[in-house]
Amino acid sequence: MDRASVLQIYDDQYAAVYNECFLLGDDFRECTSYESSLLRSQIDESTSWLDVACGTGYFLSLFPRIVRCGLDIAPAMLKLARTANPGAHFVEGDYRSDFPEWRDQWSLVSCMWYAYSYAGSIWDVERVFGNLAAWTAPGGSCFVPLCDPDVLAKTQIPHRPPADSTDGELEVTAIIWNWTDLPFGKQHKGLIAPHTEHILGIFRPLFSDVSVHVYPAFERDCLTSRKAILAKGKLA
């Protein structure tokens, strides 16, 4: 999505209800709690943490004793993030842009809640993941919940249908999806979900240990399954 469309969605009204309706809403509360526990397993008192597309700063607020920074494009979300995280640093900016001062700086870098899907194209998604890795300190970790196209589209991606001509071979490597949240009528259009192996291929050359963590089934959830990439031990 383009910047103007994202800002139109994540305005003051949306930011004010975001935690209550989504992160802590009935259909997402279990997932939020579980992801908080996964983050906790990667954090100790020496951790410095950059949360990319940090939104309201909810996850950062759970760990007030460590060095924290958040990046987000929406001023309305950042306003709440700053209130929820006294002493933390927040930057208004585009996660597709490089921030040279952050290279090799953060022992933990995260990008939560499928935020990378808003990047606009698969090339922009690659740029986002490249930034996440670049901003991670040597030996540090990246944590990224996955927007799994296999779950969204109910078909395995990459999809290679049987060849029916000699002109070439078709491979579907990502899906584009839209979501309208009915209570607010906000339309999230043109979101992109590359296949998991494509994302793993970005992280594997840069980290010593890259794995897909499969979540347990939650009692209430809009998806049948959830996963996250945990890339540990960034190579120097």
Protein backbone atom coordinates (compact mmCIF):
# COMPACT_ATOMS: atom_id res chain seq x y z
CA MET A 1 0.00 0.00 0.00
CA ASP A 2 1.13 3.56 -0.58
CA ARG A 3 1.92 5.86 2.33
CA ALA A 4 -1.24 7.96 1.98
CA SER A 5 -3.48 4.87 2.15
CA VAL A 6 -1.71 3.55 5.24
CA LEU A 7 -2.02 6.89 7.01
CA GLN A 8 -5.70 7.07 6.12
CA ILE A 9 -6.25 3.73 7.86
CA TYR A 10 -4.07 4.29 10.90
CA ASP A 11 -5.52 7.61 12.00
CA ASP A 12 -6.25 8.89 15.52
CA GLN A 13 -9.59 7.09 15.76
CA TYR A 14 -8.14 3.75 14.68
CA ALA A 15 -5.12 4.09 16.94
CA ALA A 16 -7.33 4.77 19.96
CA VAL A 17 -9.11 1.40 19.66
CA TYR A 18 -6.34 -0.69 18.12
CA ASN A 19 -5.12 -2.50 21.23
CA GLU A 20 -8.60 -3.20 22.57
CA CYS A 21 -10.05 -4.43 19.27
CA PHE A 22 -7.10 -6.30 17.83
CA LEU A 23 -4.11 -7.09 20.05
CA LEU A 24 -6.34 -7.70 23.08
CA GLY A 25 -9.59 -8.48 21.27
CA ASP A 26 -11.34 -11.81 21.77
CA ASP A 27 -10.10 -13.28 18.49
CA PHE A 28 -6.46 -12.27 18.94
CA ARG A 29 -5.75 -12.19 22.69
CA GLU A 30 -4.33 -15.73 22.80
CA CYS A 31 -2.00 -15.04 19.89
CA THR A 32 -0.80 -11.78 21.44
CA SER A 33 -0.08 -13.53 24.73
CA TYR A 34 1.78 -16.35 23.00
CA GLU A 35 3.90 -13.98 20.89
CA SER A 36 4.71 -12.00 24.02
CA SER A 37 6.07 -15.20 25.57
CA LEU A 38 8.17 -15.91 22.47
CA LEU A 39 9.64 -12.41 22.65
CA ARG A 40 10.31 -12.89 26.36
CA SER A 41 12.39 -15.97 25.58
CA GLN A 42 14.69 -13.80 23.44
CA ILE A 43 15.10 -10.97 25.93
CA ASP A 44 17.38 -10.45 28.91
CA GLU A 45 18.56 -7.36 30.75
CA SER A 46 21.27 -6.65 28.14
CA THR A 47 18.91 -6.75 25.14
CA SER A 48 18.52 -3.74 22.88
CA TRP A 49 15.32 -4.11 20.86
CA LEU A 50 14.06 -2.44 17.69
CA ASP A 51 10.41 -3.11 16.86
CA VAL A 52 9.77 -2.24 13.20
CA ALA A 53 6.22 -1.10 12.39
CA CYS A 54 5.73 -0.88 16.15
CA GLY A 55 2.19 0.54 16.01
CA THR A 56 0.93 1.51 19.46
CA GLY A 57 4.08 0.13 21.09
CA TYR A 58 2.13 -2.50 23.00
CA PHE A 59 4.74 -5.25 22.74
CA LEU A 60 7.55 -2.86 23.64
CA SER A 61 5.64 -1.73 26.72
CA LEU A 62 5.79 -5.25 28.17
CA PHE A 63 9.56 -4.98 28.63
CA PRO A 64 10.22 -1.55 30.16
CA ARG A 65 13.64 -2.39 31.67
CA ILE A 66 15.56 -2.80 28.41
CA VAL A 67 16.73 -0.41 25.69
CA ARG A 68 13.88 -0.10 23.19
CA CYS A 69 13.19 1.69 19.92
CA GLY A 70 10.19 1.70 17.62
CA LEU A 71 9.81 2.62 13.96
CA ASP A 72 6.43 3.37 12.40
CA ILE A 73 5.01 5.38 9.52
CA ALA A 74 1.81 6.52 11.28
CA PRO A 75 2.02 9.54 13.63
CA ALA A 76 -1.23 8.53 15.38
CA MET A 77 0.17 5.15 16.35
CA LEU A 78 3.50 6.63 17.43
CA LYS A 79 1.75 9.12 19.69
CA LEU A 80 0.30 6.24 21.70
CA ALA A 81 3.57 4.30 21.56
CA ARG A 82 5.47 7.17 23.14
CA THR A 83 2.88 7.46 25.91
CA ALA A 84 3.02 3.73 26.62
CA ASN A 85 6.83 3.60 26.63
CA PRO A 86 8.44 6.39 28.67
CA GLY A 87 12.16 6.52 28.00
CA ALA A 88 12.02 4.55 24.75
CA HIS A 89 12.99 6.13 21.43
CA PHE A 90 10.58 6.29 18.49
CA VAL A 91 11.14 7.27 14.87
CA GLU A 92 8.54 8.20 12.28
CA GLY A 93 9.65 6.66 9.02
CA ASP A 94 9.27 4.07 6.27
CA TYR A 95 10.67 0.61 6.98
CA ARG A 96 11.70 0.30 3.34
CA SER A 97 14.25 3.07 3.90
CA ASP A 98 17.71 2.42 5.23
CA PHE A 99 18.73 3.98 8.53
CA PRO A 100 22.54 3.69 8.41
CA GLU A 101 22.92 4.59 12.07
CA TRP A 102 21.02 1.41 12.97
CA ARG A 103 23.22 -1.03 11.09
CA ASP A 104 24.54 -3.81 13.35
CA GLN A 105 23.03 -2.04 16.38
CA TRP A 106 20.09 -4.02 17.83
CA SER A 107 20.40 -7.40 19.51
CA LEU A 108 16.71 -8.09 18.76
CA VAL A 109 14.75 -6.80 15.75
CA SER A 110 11.08 -7.65 15.28
CA CYS A 111 8.32 -6.88 12.80
CA MET A 112 4.97 -7.97 14.22
CA TRP A 113 1.45 -8.59 12.96
CA TYR A 114 2.17 -9.09 9.26
CA ALA A 115 3.29 -5.48 8.90
CA TYR A 116 5.64 -6.39 6.06
CA SER A 117 2.57 -7.19 3.95
CA TYR A 118 2.00 -3.44 3.50
CA ALA A 119 5.36 -2.98 1.73
CA GLY A 120 3.75 -2.87 -1.72
CA SER A 121 5.62 -5.47 -3.78
CA ILE A 122 7.73 -8.55 -3.29
CA TRP A 123 10.82 -6.45 -4.01
CA ASP A 124 9.83 -4.02 -1.28
CA VAL A 125 9.24 -6.93 1.11
CA GLU A 126 12.76 -8.13 0.33
CA ARG A 127 14.02 -4.63 1.11
CA VAL A 128 12.21 -4.65 4.46
CA PHE A 129 13.67 -8.00 5.45
CA GLY A 130 17.08 -6.86 4.28
CA ASN A 131 16.78 -3.87 6.59
CA LEU A 132 15.71 -6.04 9.52
CA ALA A 133 18.82 -8.14 9.06
CA ALA A 134 21.09 -5.13 8.51
CA TRP A 135 19.88 -3.47 11.70
CA THR A 136 20.49 -6.61 13.78
CA ALA A 137 23.76 -6.71 15.70
CA PRO A 138 26.23 -9.55 15.05
CA GLY A 139 25.05 -12.49 17.13
CA GLY A 140 21.58 -10.97 17.43
CA SER A 141 18.14 -12.23 16.42
CA CYS A 142 15.17 -11.35 14.22
CA PHE A 143 11.60 -12.36 15.07
CA VAL A 144 8.92 -12.08 12.36
CA PRO A 145 5.41 -13.58 12.55
CA LEU A 146 4.56 -14.94 9.11
CA CYS A 147 1.61 -14.11 6.90
CA ASP A 148 1.39 -17.63 5.52
CA PRO A 149 -0.09 -17.73 1.98
CA ASP A 150 -0.78 -21.45 2.37
CA VAL A 151 -3.26 -20.59 5.11
CA LEU A 152 -4.77 -17.52 3.45
CA ALA A 153 -5.24 -19.05 0.02
CA LYS A 154 -5.84 -22.66 1.11
CA THR A 155 -3.30 -23.82 -1.47
CA GLN A 156 0.39 -24.47 -1.27
CA ILE A 157 2.64 -21.60 -2.33
CA PRO A 158 4.81 -21.70 -4.40
CA HIS A 159 2.24 -23.27 -6.70
CA ARG A 160 3.43 -24.90 -9.90
CA PRO A 161 0.50 -26.09 -12.04
CA PRO A 162 1.19 -28.80 -14.61
CA ALA A 163 2.70 -27.34 -17.76
CA ASP A 164 0.15 -27.32 -20.59
CA SER A 165 2.32 -25.75 -23.24
CA THR A 166 5.90 -25.52 -24.40
CA ASP A 167 5.97 -21.75 -23.94
CA GLY A 168 7.06 -21.75 -20.32
CA GLU A 169 6.32 -22.80 -16.77
CA LEU A 170 4.10 -20.95 -14.32
CA GLU A 171 5.06 -20.53 -10.67
CA VAL A 172 2.88 -18.58 -8.22
CA THR A 173 5.26 -17.20 -5.60
CA ALA A 174 3.04 -14.89 -3.53
CA ILE A 175 -0.56 -13.81 -3.07
CA ILE A 176 -2.09 -10.34 -2.90
CA TRP A 177 -4.91 -10.02 -0.40
CA ASN A 178 -7.34 -7.43 0.90
CA TRP A 179 -8.94 -7.16 4.32
CA THR A 180 -11.86 -4.97 5.40
CA ASP A 181 -12.39 -4.82 9.14
CA LEU A 182 -16.13 -4.54 9.36
CA PRO A 183 -16.55 -2.56 12.60
CA PHE A 184 -14.62 0.39 11.15
CA GLY A 185 -14.91 -0.10 7.41
CA LYS A 186 -11.15 0.30 7.01
CA GLN A 187 -9.95 -1.26 3.76
CA HIS A 188 -6.49 -2.77 3.78
CA LYS A 189 -5.85 -3.35 0.08
CA GLY A 190 -3.05 -4.85 -1.95
CA LEU A 191 -1.29 -6.63 0.93
CA ILE A 192 1.34 -9.13 -0.16
CA ALA A 193 2.29 -12.51 1.27
CA PRO A 194 5.41 -14.13 -0.24
CA HIS A 195 5.81 -17.85 0.32
CA THR A 196 7.71 -18.94 3.41
CA GLU A 197 10.67 -20.46 1.60
CA HIS A 198 11.25 -17.17 -0.22
CA ILE A 199 11.50 -15.35 3.11
CA LEU A 200 13.70 -18.05 4.63
CA GLY A 201 16.02 -17.66 1.65
CA ILE A 202 16.61 -14.03 2.61
CA PHE A 203 17.55 -14.80 6.20
CA ARG A 204 19.51 -18.04 5.85
CA PRO A 205 22.71 -16.56 4.37
CA LEU A 206 22.79 -13.91 7.10
CA PHE A 207 22.11 -15.90 10.30
CA SER A 208 23.56 -19.09 11.72
CA ASP A 209 20.20 -20.52 12.84
CA VAL A 210 16.97 -19.82 10.95
CA SER A 211 13.83 -21.74 11.89
CA VAL A 212 10.06 -21.63 11.49
CA HIS A 213 8.22 -21.77 14.78
CA VAL A 214 4.71 -23.24 14.55
CA TYR A 215 2.22 -21.86 17.08
CA PRO A 216 -0.20 -24.08 18.97
CA ALA A 217 -3.86 -24.02 17.96
CA PHE A 218 -5.77 -21.26 19.72
CA GLU A 219 -9.33 -21.65 20.94
CA ARG A 220 -10.40 -18.48 19.15
CA ASP A 221 -8.53 -17.38 16.06
CA CYS A 222 -9.39 -16.19 12.58
CA LEU A 223 -6.63 -18.38 11.10
CA THR A 224 -6.25 -22.13 11.29
CA SER A 225 -2.54 -21.93 12.05
CA ARG A 226 0.19 -19.40 12.68
CA LYS A 227 3.96 -19.41 12.30
CA ALA A 228 6.93 -17.13 12.87
CA ILE A 229 10.49 -16.97 11.63
CA LEU A 230 13.18 -16.81 14.29
CA ALA A 231 16.59 -16.01 12.86
CA LYS A 232 19.33 -16.26 15.49
CA GLY A 233 23.05 -15.60 15.49
CA LYS A 234 23.52 -12.93 12.84
CA LEU A 235 26.79 -13.52 11.07
CA ALA A 236 29.44 -10.83 11.27
